[in-house]
PDB file of N, CA and C in Angstrom:
ATOM      1  N   MET A   1      28.966 -14.632   7.772  1.00  0.00           N
ATOM      2  CA  MET A   1      28.651 -13.258   8.122  1.00  0.00           C
ATOM      3  C   MET A   1      28.484 -12.456   6.841  1.00  0.00           C
ATOM      4  N   CYS A   2      27.533 -11.587   6.845  1.00  0.00           N
ATOM      5  CA  CYS A   2      27.286 -10.737   5.685  1.00  0.00           C
ATOM      6  C   CYS A   2      28.452  -9.775   5.501  1.00  0.00           C
ATOM      7  N   ARG A   3      28.984  -9.719   4.314  1.00  0.00           N
ATOM      8  CA  ARG A   3      30.147  -8.864   4.054  1.00  0.00           C
ATOM      9  C   ARG A   3      29.837  -7.384   4.181  1.00  0.00           C
ATOM     10  N   ASN A   4      28.562  -7.015   4.056  1.00  0.00           N
ATOM     11  CA  ASN A   4      28.197  -5.606   4.123  1.00  0.00           C
ATOM     12  C   ASN A   4      28.085  -5.083   5.546  1.00  0.00           C
ATOM     13  N   ILE A   5      28.096  -5.981   6.527  1.00  0.00           N
ATOM     14  CA  ILE A   5      28.030  -5.541   7.907  1.00  0.00           C
ATOM     15  C   ILE A   5      29.453  -5.285   8.377  1.00  0.00           C
ATOM     16  N   ARG A   6      29.727  -4.067   8.767  1.00  0.00           N
ATOM     17  CA  ARG A   6      31.061  -3.648   9.167  1.00  0.00           C
ATOM     18  C   ARG A   6      31.129  -3.461  10.676  1.00  0.00           C
ATOM     19  N   PRO A   7      32.322  -3.631  11.256  1.00  0.00           N
ATOM     20  CA  PRO A   7      32.465  -3.338  12.680  1.00  0.00           C
ATOM     21  C   PRO A   7      32.121  -1.866  12.942  1.00  0.00           C
ATOM     22  N   LEU A   8      31.414  -1.621  14.036  1.00  0.00           N
ATOM     23  CA  LEU A   8      30.994  -0.263  14.366  1.00  0.00           C
ATOM     24  C   LEU A   8      31.567   0.224  15.691  1.00  0.00           C
ATOM     25  N   PHE A   9      32.231  -0.652  16.423  1.00  0.00           N
ATOM     26  CA  PHE A   9      32.732  -0.298  17.750  1.00  0.00           C
ATOM     27  C   PHE A   9      34.125   0.322  17.684  1.00  0.00           C
ATOM     28  N   ASN A  10      34.346   1.265  18.551  1.00  0.00           N
ATOM     29  CA  ASN A  10      35.646   1.900  18.781  1.00  0.00           C
ATOM     30  C   ASN A  10      36.163   2.678  17.568  1.00  0.00           C
ATOM     31  N   PHE A  11      35.289   3.489  16.996  1.00  0.00           N
ATOM     32  CA  PHE A  11      35.686   4.378  15.914  1.00  0.00           C
ATOM     33  C   PHE A  11      35.555   5.819  16.375  1.00  0.00           C
ATOM     34  N   ASP A  12      36.371   6.673  15.790  1.00  0.00           N
ATOM     35  CA  ASP A  12      36.284   8.093  16.043  1.00  0.00           C
ATOM     36  C   ASP A  12      36.009   8.772  14.716  1.00  0.00           C
ATOM     37  N   PRO A  13      34.877   9.385  14.517  1.00  0.00           N
ATOM     38  CA  PRO A  13      33.760   9.549  15.438  1.00  0.00           C
ATOM     39  C   PRO A  13      32.971   8.240  15.593  1.00  0.00           C
ATOM     40  N   PRO A  14      32.195   8.130  16.680  1.00  0.00           N
ATOM     41  CA  PRO A  14      31.424   6.906  16.927  1.00  0.00           C
ATOM     42  C   PRO A  14      30.410   6.640  15.812  1.00  0.00           C
ATOM     43  N   ALA A  15      29.949   5.397  15.757  1.00  0.00           N
ATOM     44  CA  ALA A  15      28.956   5.010  14.753  1.00  0.00           C
ATOM     45  C   ALA A  15      27.701   5.865  14.889  1.00  0.00           C
ATOM     46  N   THR A  16      27.154   6.239  13.761  1.00  0.00           N
ATOM     47  CA  THR A  16      25.930   7.039  13.755  1.00  0.00           C
ATOM     48  C   THR A  16      24.715   6.123  13.817  1.00  0.00           C
ATOM     49  N   ASP A  17      23.565   6.696  14.110  1.00  0.00           N
ATOM     50  CA  ASP A  17      22.323   5.917  14.114  1.00  0.00           C
ATOM     51  C   ASP A  17      22.064   5.322  12.732  1.00  0.00           C
ATOM     52  N   GLU A  18      22.416   6.062  11.689  1.00  0.00           N
ATOM     53  CA  GLU A  18      22.208   5.569  10.324  1.00  0.00           C
ATOM     54  C   GLU A  18      23.061   4.329  10.057  1.00  0.00           C
ATOM     55  N   GLU A  19      24.299   4.337  10.527  1.00  0.00           N
ATOM     56  CA  GLU A  19      25.174   3.174  10.344  1.00  0.00           C
ATOM     57  C   GLU A  19      24.659   1.972  11.117  1.00  0.00           C
ATOM     58  N   ILE A  20      24.175   2.201  12.322  1.00  0.00           N
ATOM     59  CA  ILE A  20      23.635   1.114  13.132  1.00  0.00           C
ATOM     60  C   ILE A  20      22.384   0.541  12.475  1.00  0.00           C
ATOM     61  N   GLU A  21      21.508   1.403  11.988  1.00  0.00           N
ATOM     62  CA  GLU A  21      20.285   0.943  11.335  1.00  0.00           C
ATOM     63  C   GLU A  21      20.592   0.219  10.023  1.00  0.00           C
ATOM     64  N   ALA A  22      21.596   0.678   9.291  1.00  0.00           N
ATOM     65  CA  ALA A  22      21.981  -0.002   8.049  1.00  0.00           C
ATOM     66  C   ALA A  22      22.508  -1.406   8.348  1.00  0.00           C
ATOM     67  N   ALA A  23      23.282  -1.540   9.415  1.00  0.00           N
ATOM     68  CA  ALA A  23      23.792  -2.860   9.809  1.00  0.00           C
ATOM     69  C   ALA A  23      22.641  -3.762  10.244  1.00  0.00           C
ATOM     70  N   ALA A  24      21.692  -3.199  10.979  1.00  0.00           N
ATOM     71  CA  ALA A  24      20.528  -3.976  11.419  1.00  0.00           C
ATOM     72  C   ALA A  24      19.713  -4.436  10.217  1.00  0.00           C
ATOM     73  N   LEU A  25      19.528  -3.554   9.254  1.00  0.00           N
ATOM     74  CA  LEU A  25      18.795  -3.905   8.038  1.00  0.00           C
ATOM     75  C   LEU A  25      19.496  -5.040   7.293  1.00  0.00           C
ATOM     76  N   GLN A  26      20.815  -4.956   7.143  1.00  0.00           N
ATOM     77  CA  GLN A  26      21.570  -6.018   6.465  1.00  0.00           C
ATOM     78  C   GLN A  26      21.452  -7.339   7.213  1.00  0.00           C
ATOM     79  N   PHE A  27      21.504  -7.283   8.535  1.00  0.00           N
ATOM     80  CA  PHE A  27      21.388  -8.494   9.349  1.00  0.00           C
ATOM     81  C   PHE A  27      20.015  -9.141   9.156  1.00  0.00           C
ATOM     82  N   VAL A  28      18.954  -8.349   9.242  1.00  0.00           N
ATOM     83  CA  VAL A  28      17.598  -8.890   9.090  1.00  0.00           C
ATOM     84  C   VAL A  28      17.393  -9.409   7.666  1.00  0.00           C
ATOM     85  N   ARG A  29      17.917  -8.712   6.672  1.00  0.00           N
ATOM     86  CA  ARG A  29      17.838  -9.210   5.293  1.00  0.00           C
ATOM     87  C   ARG A  29      18.524 -10.559   5.166  1.00  0.00           C
ATOM     88  N   LYS A  30      19.684 -10.679   5.791  1.00  0.00           N
ATOM     89  CA  LYS A  30      20.459 -11.914   5.693  1.00  0.00           C
ATOM     90  C   LYS A  30      19.716 -13.089   6.318  1.00  0.00           C
ATOM     91  N   ILE A  31      19.227 -12.918   7.542  1.00  0.00           N
ATOM     92  CA  ILE A  31      18.606 -14.052   8.218  1.00  0.00           C
ATOM     93  C   ILE A  31      17.197 -14.346   7.714  1.00  0.00           C
ATOM     94  N   SER A  32      16.499 -13.334   7.163  1.00  0.00           N
ATOM     95  CA  SER A  32      15.149 -13.575   6.645  1.00  0.00           C
ATOM     96  C   SER A  32      15.165 -14.076   5.207  1.00  0.00           C
ATOM     97  N   GLY A  33      16.230 -13.718   4.479  1.00  0.00           N
ATOM     98  CA  GLY A  33      16.285 -14.079   3.071  1.00  0.00           C
ATOM     99  C   GLY A  33      15.551 -13.097   2.174  1.00  0.00           C
ATOM    100  N   PHE A  34      15.035 -12.023   2.744  1.00  0.00           N
ATOM    101  CA  PHE A  34      14.296 -11.007   1.972  1.00  0.00           C
ATOM    102  C   PHE A  34      15.154  -9.761   1.795  1.00  0.00           C
ATOM    103  N   THR A  35      15.198  -9.237   0.573  1.00  0.00           N
ATOM    104  CA  THR A  35      15.750  -7.898   0.419  1.00  0.00           C
ATOM    105  C   THR A  35      14.626  -6.890   0.601  1.00  0.00           C
ATOM    106  N   LYS A  36      13.448  -7.284   0.162  1.00  0.00           N
ATOM    107  CA  LYS A  36      12.245  -6.475   0.356  1.00  0.00           C
ATOM    108  C   LYS A  36      11.134  -7.449   0.699  1.00  0.00           C
ATOM    109  N   PRO A  37      10.588  -7.351   1.904  1.00  0.00           N
ATOM    110  CA  PRO A  37       9.565  -8.317   2.307  1.00  0.00           C
ATOM    111  C   PRO A  37       8.235  -8.092   1.585  1.00  0.00           C
ATOM    112  N   SER A  38       7.424  -9.127   1.545  1.00  0.00           N
ATOM    113  CA  SER A  38       6.078  -9.007   0.989  1.00  0.00           C
ATOM    114  C   SER A  38       5.235  -8.155   1.935  1.00  0.00           C
ATOM    115  N   LYS A  39       4.086  -7.730   1.466  1.00  0.00           N
ATOM    116  CA  LYS A  39       3.181  -6.931   2.310  1.00  0.00           C
ATOM    117  C   LYS A  39       2.827  -7.693   3.580  1.00  0.00           C
ATOM    118  N   ALA A  40       2.656  -9.018   3.471  1.00  0.00           N
ATOM    119  CA  ALA A  40       2.285  -9.836   4.627  1.00  0.00           C
ATOM    120  C   ALA A  40       3.388  -9.840   5.681  1.00  0.00           C
ATOM    121  N   ASN A  41       4.648  -9.733   5.273  1.00  0.00           N
ATOM    122  CA  ASN A  41       5.780  -9.793   6.199  1.00  0.00           C
ATOM    123  C   ASN A  41       6.404  -8.440   6.501  1.00  0.00           C
ATOM    124  N   GLU A  42       5.896  -7.392   5.883  1.00  0.00           N
ATOM    125  CA  GLU A  42       6.513  -6.071   5.996  1.00  0.00           C
ATOM    126  C   GLU A  42       6.582  -5.559   7.440  1.00  0.00           C
ATOM    127  N   GLU A  43       5.513  -5.676   8.190  1.00  0.00           N
ATOM    128  CA  GLU A  43       5.494  -5.170   9.566  1.00  0.00           C
ATOM    129  C   GLU A  43       6.495  -5.933  10.439  1.00  0.00           C
ATOM    130  N   ALA A  44       6.503  -7.252  10.332  1.00  0.00           N
ATOM    131  CA  ALA A  44       7.434  -8.064  11.119  1.00  0.00           C
ATOM    132  C   ALA A  44       8.877  -7.730  10.746  1.00  0.00           C
ATOM    133  N   PHE A  45       9.135  -7.538   9.464  1.00  0.00           N
ATOM    134  CA  PHE A  45      10.469  -7.210   8.971  1.00  0.00           C
ATOM    135  C   PHE A  45      10.950  -5.891   9.563  1.00  0.00           C
ATOM    136  N   HIS A  46      10.128  -4.852   9.467  1.00  0.00           N
ATOM    137  CA  HIS A  46      10.518  -3.529   9.970  1.00  0.00           C
ATOM    138  C   HIS A  46      10.629  -3.511  11.494  1.00  0.00           C
ATOM    139  N   THR A  47       9.781  -4.276  12.170  1.00  0.00           N
ATOM    140  CA  THR A  47       9.882  -4.392  13.631  1.00  0.00           C
ATOM    141  C   THR A  47      11.208  -5.041  14.012  1.00  0.00           C
ATOM    142  N   ALA A  48      11.578  -6.095  13.283  1.00  0.00           N
ATOM    143  CA  ALA A  48      12.844  -6.776  13.550  1.00  0.00           C
ATOM    144  C   ALA A  48      14.025  -5.838  13.336  1.00  0.00           C
ATOM    145  N   VAL A  49      14.012  -5.058  12.269  1.00  0.00           N
ATOM    146  CA  VAL A  49      15.094  -4.103  11.997  1.00  0.00           C
ATOM    147  C   VAL A  49      15.208  -3.104  13.156  1.00  0.00           C
ATOM    148  N   ALA A  50      14.083  -2.579  13.609  1.00  0.00           N
ATOM    149  CA  ALA A  50      14.097  -1.602  14.706  1.00  0.00           C
ATOM    150  C   ALA A  50      14.623  -2.229  15.993  1.00  0.00           C
ATOM    151  N   GLU A  51      14.209  -3.451  16.286  1.00  0.00           N
ATOM    152  CA  GLU A  51      14.654  -4.115  17.514  1.00  0.00           C
ATOM    153  C   GLU A  51      16.141  -4.465  17.459  1.00  0.00           C
ATOM    154  N   VAL A  52      16.608  -4.950  16.320  1.00  0.00           N
ATOM    155  CA  VAL A  52      18.031  -5.275  16.174  1.00  0.00           C
ATOM    156  C   VAL A  52      18.859  -4.000  16.299  1.00  0.00           C
ATOM    157  N   ALA A  53      18.413  -2.913  15.692  1.00  0.00           N
ATOM    158  CA  ALA A  53      19.136  -1.636  15.791  1.00  0.00           C
ATOM    159  C   ALA A  53      19.193  -1.164  17.244  1.00  0.00           C
ATOM    160  N   SER A  54      18.100  -1.316  17.975  1.00  0.00           N
ATOM    161  CA  SER A  54      18.063  -0.901  19.373  1.00  0.00           C
ATOM    162  C   SER A  54      19.045  -1.711  20.213  1.00  0.00           C
ATOM    163  N   VAL A  55      19.056  -3.017  20.024  1.00  0.00           N
ATOM    164  CA  VAL A  55      19.967  -3.881  20.778  1.00  0.00           C
ATOM    165  C   VAL A  55      21.418  -3.591  20.389  1.00  0.00           C
ATOM    166  N   ALA A  56      21.671  -3.369  19.109  1.00  0.00           N
ATOM    167  CA  ALA A  56      23.029  -3.052  18.652  1.00  0.00           C
ATOM    168  C   ALA A  56      23.507  -1.738  19.268  1.00  0.00           C
ATOM    169  N   ARG A  57      22.615  -0.758  19.313  1.00  0.00           N
ATOM    170  CA  ARG A  57      22.953   0.544  19.910  1.00  0.00           C
ATOM    171  C   ARG A  57      23.305   0.363  21.390  1.00  0.00           C
ATOM    172  N   GLN A  58      22.496  -0.427  22.115  1.00  0.00           N
ATOM    173  CA  GLN A  58      22.772  -0.691  23.530  1.00  0.00           C
ATOM    174  C   GLN A  58      24.125  -1.380  23.693  1.00  0.00           C
ATOM    175  N   LEU A  59      24.402  -2.349  22.831  1.00  0.00           N
ATOM    176  CA  LEU A  59      25.672  -3.064  22.889  1.00  0.00           C
ATOM    177  C   LEU A  59      26.837  -2.109  22.685  1.00  0.00           C
ATOM    178  N   LEU A  60      26.774  -1.291  21.645  1.00  0.00           N
ATOM    179  CA  LEU A  60      27.874  -0.372  21.350  1.00  0.00           C
ATOM    180  C   LEU A  60      28.113   0.620  22.490  1.00  0.00           C
ATOM    181  N   HIS A  61      27.036   1.048  23.156  1.00  0.00           N
ATOM    182  CA  HIS A  61      27.180   1.995  24.264  1.00  0.00           C
ATOM    183  C   HIS A  61      27.700   1.329  25.529  1.00  0.00           C
ATOM    184  N   SER A  62      27.521   0.017  25.654  1.00  0.00           N
ATOM    185  CA  SER A  62      27.950  -0.656  26.877  1.00  0.00           C
ATOM    186  C   SER A  62      29.354  -1.255  26.775  1.00  0.00           C
ATOM    187  N   LEU A  63      29.891  -1.397  25.566  1.00  0.00           N
ATOM    188  CA  LEU A  63      31.222  -1.970  25.402  1.00  0.00           C
ATOM    189  C   LEU A  63      32.294  -0.992  25.879  1.00  0.00           C
ATOM    190  N   GLU A  64      33.377  -1.550  26.405  1.00  0.00           N
ATOM    191  CA  GLU A  64      34.500  -0.737  26.871  1.00  0.00           C
ATOM    192  C   GLU A  64      35.796  -1.267  26.271  1.00  0.00           C
ATOM    193  N   THR A  65      36.745  -0.370  26.078  1.00  0.00           N
ATOM    194  CA  THR A  65      38.060  -0.769  25.585  1.00  0.00           C
ATOM    195  C   THR A  65      39.098   0.233  26.045  1.00  0.00           C
ATOM    196  N   ASN A  66      40.331  -0.244  26.153  1.00  0.00           N
ATOM    197  CA  ASN A  66      41.448   0.647  26.455  1.00  0.00           C
ATOM    198  C   ASN A  66      42.193   1.033  25.182  1.00  0.00           C
ATOM    199  N   ALA A  67      41.829   0.426  24.072  1.00  0.00           N
ATOM    200  CA  ALA A  67      42.486   0.689  22.795  1.00  0.00           C
ATOM    201  C   ALA A  67      42.108   2.074  22.282  1.00  0.00           C
ATOM    202  N   GLU A  68      43.012   2.648  21.527  1.00  0.00           N
ATOM    203  CA  GLU A  68      42.737   3.931  20.884  1.00  0.00           C
ATOM    204  C   GLU A  68      41.637   3.736  19.839  1.00  0.00           C
ATOM    205  N   PRO A  69      40.749   4.725  19.686  1.00  0.00           N
ATOM    206  CA  PRO A  69      39.719   4.612  18.651  1.00  0.00           C
ATOM    207  C   PRO A  69      40.352   4.521  17.263  1.00  0.00           C
ATOM    208  N   ARG A  70      39.736   3.713  16.408  1.00  0.00           N
ATOM    209  CA  ARG A  70      40.223   3.568  15.036  1.00  0.00           C
ATOM    210  C   ARG A  70      39.727   4.730  14.188  1.00  0.00           C
ATOM    211  N   ASN A  71      40.522   5.092  13.215  1.00  0.00           N
ATOM    212  CA  ASN A  71      40.186   6.167  12.292  1.00  0.00           C
ATOM    213  C   ASN A  71      39.492   5.569  11.077  1.00  0.00           C
ATOM    214  N   ARG A  72      38.337   6.079  10.746  1.00  0.00           N
ATOM    215  CA  ARG A  72      37.553   5.531   9.626  1.00  0.00           C
ATOM    216  C   ARG A  72      38.305   5.603   8.294  1.00  0.00           C
ATOM    217  N   GLU A  73      38.976   6.701   8.054  1.00  0.00           N
ATOM    218  CA  GLU A  73      39.680   6.870   6.782  1.00  0.00           C
ATOM    219  C   GLU A  73      40.835   5.883   6.658  1.00  0.00           C
ATOM    220  N   VAL A  74      41.556   5.668   7.750  1.00  0.00           N
ATOM    221  CA  VAL A  74      42.669   4.713   7.736  1.00  0.00           C
ATOM    222  C   VAL A  74      42.132   3.308   7.482  1.00  0.00           C
ATOM    223  N   GLU A  75      41.022   2.962   8.118  1.00  0.00           N
ATOM    224  CA  GLU A  75      40.425   1.630   7.935  1.00  0.00           C
ATOM    225  C   GLU A  75      39.913   1.445   6.497  1.00  0.00           C
ATOM    226  N   LYS A  76      39.337   2.489   5.913  1.00  0.00           N
ATOM    227  CA  LYS A  76      38.879   2.418   4.516  1.00  0.00           C
ATOM    228  C   LYS A  76      40.054   2.178   3.579  1.00  0.00           C
ATOM    229  N   GLU A  77      41.151   2.869   3.826  1.00  0.00           N
ATOM    230  CA  GLU A  77      42.349   2.714   2.989  1.00  0.00           C
ATOM    231  C   GLU A  77      42.915   1.298   3.119  1.00  0.00           C
ATOM    232  N   ARG A  78      42.958   0.780   4.336  1.00  0.00           N
ATOM    233  CA  ARG A  78      43.441  -0.592   4.540  1.00  0.00           C
ATOM    234  C   ARG A  78      42.559  -1.597   3.801  1.00  0.00           C
ATOM    235  N   ALA A  79      41.257  -1.403   3.868  1.00  0.00           N
ATOM    236  CA  ALA A  79      40.323  -2.304   3.172  1.00  0.00           C
ATOM    237  C   ALA A  79      40.516  -2.214   1.663  1.00  0.00           C
ATOM    238  N   ARG A  80      40.715  -0.992   1.158  1.00  0.00           N
ATOM    239  CA  ARG A  80      40.943  -0.806  -0.270  1.00  0.00           C
ATOM    240  C   ARG A  80      42.209  -1.536  -0.701  1.00  0.00           C
ATOM    241  N   GLU A  81      43.272  -1.409   0.093  1.00  0.00           N
ATOM    242  CA  GLU A  81      44.537  -2.082  -0.221  1.00  0.00           C
ATOM    243  C   GLU A  81      44.386  -3.603  -0.190  1.00  0.00           C
ATOM    244  N   ARG A  82      43.638  -4.120   0.803  1.00  0.00           N
ATOM    245  CA  ARG A  82      43.396  -5.575   0.865  1.00  0.00           C
ATOM    246  C   ARG A  82      42.630  -6.046  -0.363  1.00  0.00           C
ATOM    247  N   ASN A  83      41.625  -5.287  -0.758  1.00  0.00           N
ATOM    248  CA  ASN A  83      40.834  -5.652  -1.936  1.00  0.00           C
ATOM    249  C   ASN A  83      41.665  -5.588  -3.210  1.00  0.00           C
ATOM    250  N   GLU A  84      42.498  -4.576  -3.302  1.00  0.00           N
ATOM    251  CA  GLU A  84      43.377  -4.447  -4.463  1.00  0.00           C
ATOM    252  C   GLU A  84      44.318  -5.642  -4.551  1.00  0.00           C
ATOM    253  N   LYS A  85      44.874  -6.018  -3.424  1.00  0.00           N
ATOM    254  CA  LYS A  85      45.800  -7.159  -3.370  1.00  0.00           C
ATOM    255  C   LYS A  85      45.068  -8.460  -3.718  1.00  0.00           C
ATOM    256  N   ARG A  86      43.846  -8.588  -3.220  1.00  0.00           N
ATOM    257  CA  ARG A  86      43.078  -9.808  -3.441  1.00  0.00           C
ATOM    258  C   ARG A  86      42.522  -9.904  -4.853  1.00  0.00           C
ATOM    259  N   PHE A  87      41.944  -8.806  -5.349  1.00  0.00           N
ATOM    260  CA  PHE A  87      41.231  -8.837  -6.611  1.00  0.00           C
ATOM    261  C   PHE A  87      41.961  -8.135  -7.757  1.00  0.00           C
ATOM    262  N   GLY A  88      43.008  -7.378  -7.453  1.00  0.00           N
ATOM    263  CA  GLY A  88      43.718  -6.613  -8.478  1.00  0.00           C
ATOM    264  C   GLY A  88      43.015  -5.309  -8.750  1.00  0.00           C
ATOM    265  N   THR A  89      43.630  -4.483  -9.560  1.00  0.00           N
ATOM    266  CA  THR A  89      43.021  -3.198  -9.889  1.00  0.00           C
ATOM    267  C   THR A  89      42.207  -3.341 -11.159  1.00  0.00           C
ATOM    268  N   ALA A  90      41.375  -2.343 -11.431  1.00  0.00           N
ATOM    269  CA  ALA A  90      40.511  -2.362 -12.608  1.00  0.00           C
ATOM    270  C   ALA A  90      41.329  -2.387 -13.897  1.00  0.00           C
ATOM    271  N   GLU A  91      42.510  -1.748 -13.874  1.00  0.00           N
ATOM    272  CA  GLU A  91      43.359  -1.692 -15.067  1.00  0.00           C
ATOM    273  C   GLU A  91      43.913  -3.069 -15.441  1.00  0.00           C
ATOM    274  N   GLN A  92      44.079  -3.955 -14.442  1.00  0.00           N
ATOM    275  CA  GLN A  92      44.663  -5.262 -14.712  1.00  0.00           C
ATOM    276  C   GLN A  92      43.673  -6.213 -15.382  1.00  0.00           C
ATOM    277  N   LYS A  93      42.404  -5.929 -15.310  1.00  0.00           N
ATOM    278  CA  LYS A  93      41.382  -6.839 -15.833  1.00  0.00           C
ATOM    279  C   LYS A  93      41.201  -6.715 -17.312  1.00  0.00           C
TER     280      LYS A  93
END
Protein backbone atom coordinates (compact mmCIF):
# COMPACT_ATOMS: atom_id res chain seq x y z
CA MET A 1 0.00 0.00 0.00
CA CYS A 2 1.23 3.46 -0.80
CA ARG A 3 2.34 5.19 2.38
CA ASN A 4 0.93 8.51 1.20
CA ILE A 5 -2.62 7.20 1.10
CA ARG A 6 -4.19 7.85 4.49
CA PRO A 7 -7.44 6.54 5.96
CA LEU A 8 -10.24 9.01 5.23
CA PHE A 9 -13.21 7.37 6.95
CA ASN A 10 -14.69 8.40 10.29
CA PHE A 11 -12.91 11.70 10.85
CA ASP A 12 -14.31 14.90 12.25
CA PRO A 13 -14.50 16.95 10.11
CA PRO A 14 -15.15 14.47 7.26
CA ALA A 15 -12.68 14.06 4.41
CA THR A 16 -12.76 16.87 1.90
CA ASP A 17 -13.02 16.45 -1.87
CA GLU A 18 -9.39 17.56 -2.10
CA GLU A 19 -8.28 14.78 0.27
CA ILE A 20 -10.27 12.19 -1.66
CA GLU A 21 -8.85 13.37 -4.98
CA ALA A 22 -5.30 13.39 -3.58
CA ALA A 23 -5.74 9.78 -2.42
CA ALA A 24 -7.14 8.83 -5.83
CA LEU A 25 -4.18 10.50 -7.55
CA GLN A 26 -1.71 8.60 -5.32
CA PHE A 27 -3.52 5.33 -6.02
CA VAL A 28 -3.48 5.83 -9.80
CA ARG A 29 0.18 6.89 -9.68
CA LYS A 30 1.02 3.77 -7.72
CA ILE A 31 -0.73 1.26 -9.97
CA SER A 32 0.24 2.97 -13.25
CA GLY A 33 3.85 3.61 -12.30
CA PHE A 34 3.58 7.20 -13.57
CA THR A 35 4.04 10.31 -11.49
CA LYS A 36 3.27 12.33 -14.59
CA PRO A 37 1.87 10.47 -17.59
CA SER A 38 3.02 11.03 -21.16
CA LYS A 39 0.78 13.01 -23.51
CA ALA A 40 -0.41 9.70 -25.00
CA ASN A 41 -1.56 8.45 -21.56
CA GLU A 42 -2.64 11.76 -20.03
CA GLU A 43 -6.38 11.46 -20.78
CA ALA A 44 -6.60 7.87 -19.51
CA PHE A 45 -4.63 8.83 -16.39
CA HIS A 46 -6.88 11.79 -15.51
CA THR A 47 -10.03 9.78 -16.28
CA ALA A 48 -8.82 7.05 -13.92
CA VAL A 49 -8.13 9.60 -11.15
CA ALA A 50 -11.64 11.06 -11.54
CA GLU A 51 -13.29 7.63 -11.52
CA VAL A 52 -11.32 6.40 -8.50
CA ALA A 53 -12.17 9.62 -6.62
CA SER A 54 -15.86 9.17 -7.47
CA VAL A 55 -15.92 5.57 -6.25
CA ALA A 56 -13.96 6.49 -3.11
CA ARG A 57 -16.42 9.30 -2.37
CA GLN A 58 -19.36 6.88 -2.78
CA LEU A 59 -17.65 4.38 -0.48
CA LEU A 60 -16.98 6.95 2.24
CA HIS A 61 -20.60 8.16 2.12
CA SER A 62 -22.01 4.63 2.32
CA LEU A 63 -19.86 3.33 5.20
CA GLU A 64 -21.37 3.24 8.69
CA THR A 65 -19.83 2.97 12.14
CA ASN A 66 -20.84 3.25 15.76
CA ALA A 67 -17.36 4.44 16.74
CA GLU A 68 -16.72 8.04 17.68
CA PRO A 69 -15.17 10.09 14.86
CA ARG A 70 -11.39 10.38 15.08
CA ASN A 71 -9.78 13.76 15.59
CA ARG A 72 -7.31 14.70 12.85
CA GLU A 73 -4.96 16.53 15.19
CA VAL A 74 -4.79 13.62 17.64
CA GLU A 75 -4.08 11.21 14.77
CA LYS A 76 -1.33 13.50 13.40
CA GLU A 77 0.30 13.63 16.83
CA ARG A 78 0.15 9.84 17.18
CA ALA A 79 1.75 9.42 13.75
CA ARG A 80 4.46 11.93 14.64
CA GLU A 81 5.21 10.03 17.87
CA ARG A 82 5.35 6.69 15.99
CA ASN A 83 7.74 8.17 13.45
CA GLU A 84 9.89 9.69 16.16
CA LYS A 85 10.07 6.34 17.94
CA ARG A 86 10.83 4.51 14.70
CA PHE A 87 13.26 6.93 13.08
CA GLY A 88 14.43 9.14 15.97
CA THR A 89 14.45 12.90 16.03
CA ALA A 90 16.44 15.17 13.73
CA GLU A 91 18.75 16.11 16.63
CA GLN A 92 19.82 12.48 17.12
CA LYS A 93 21.13 12.13 13.56
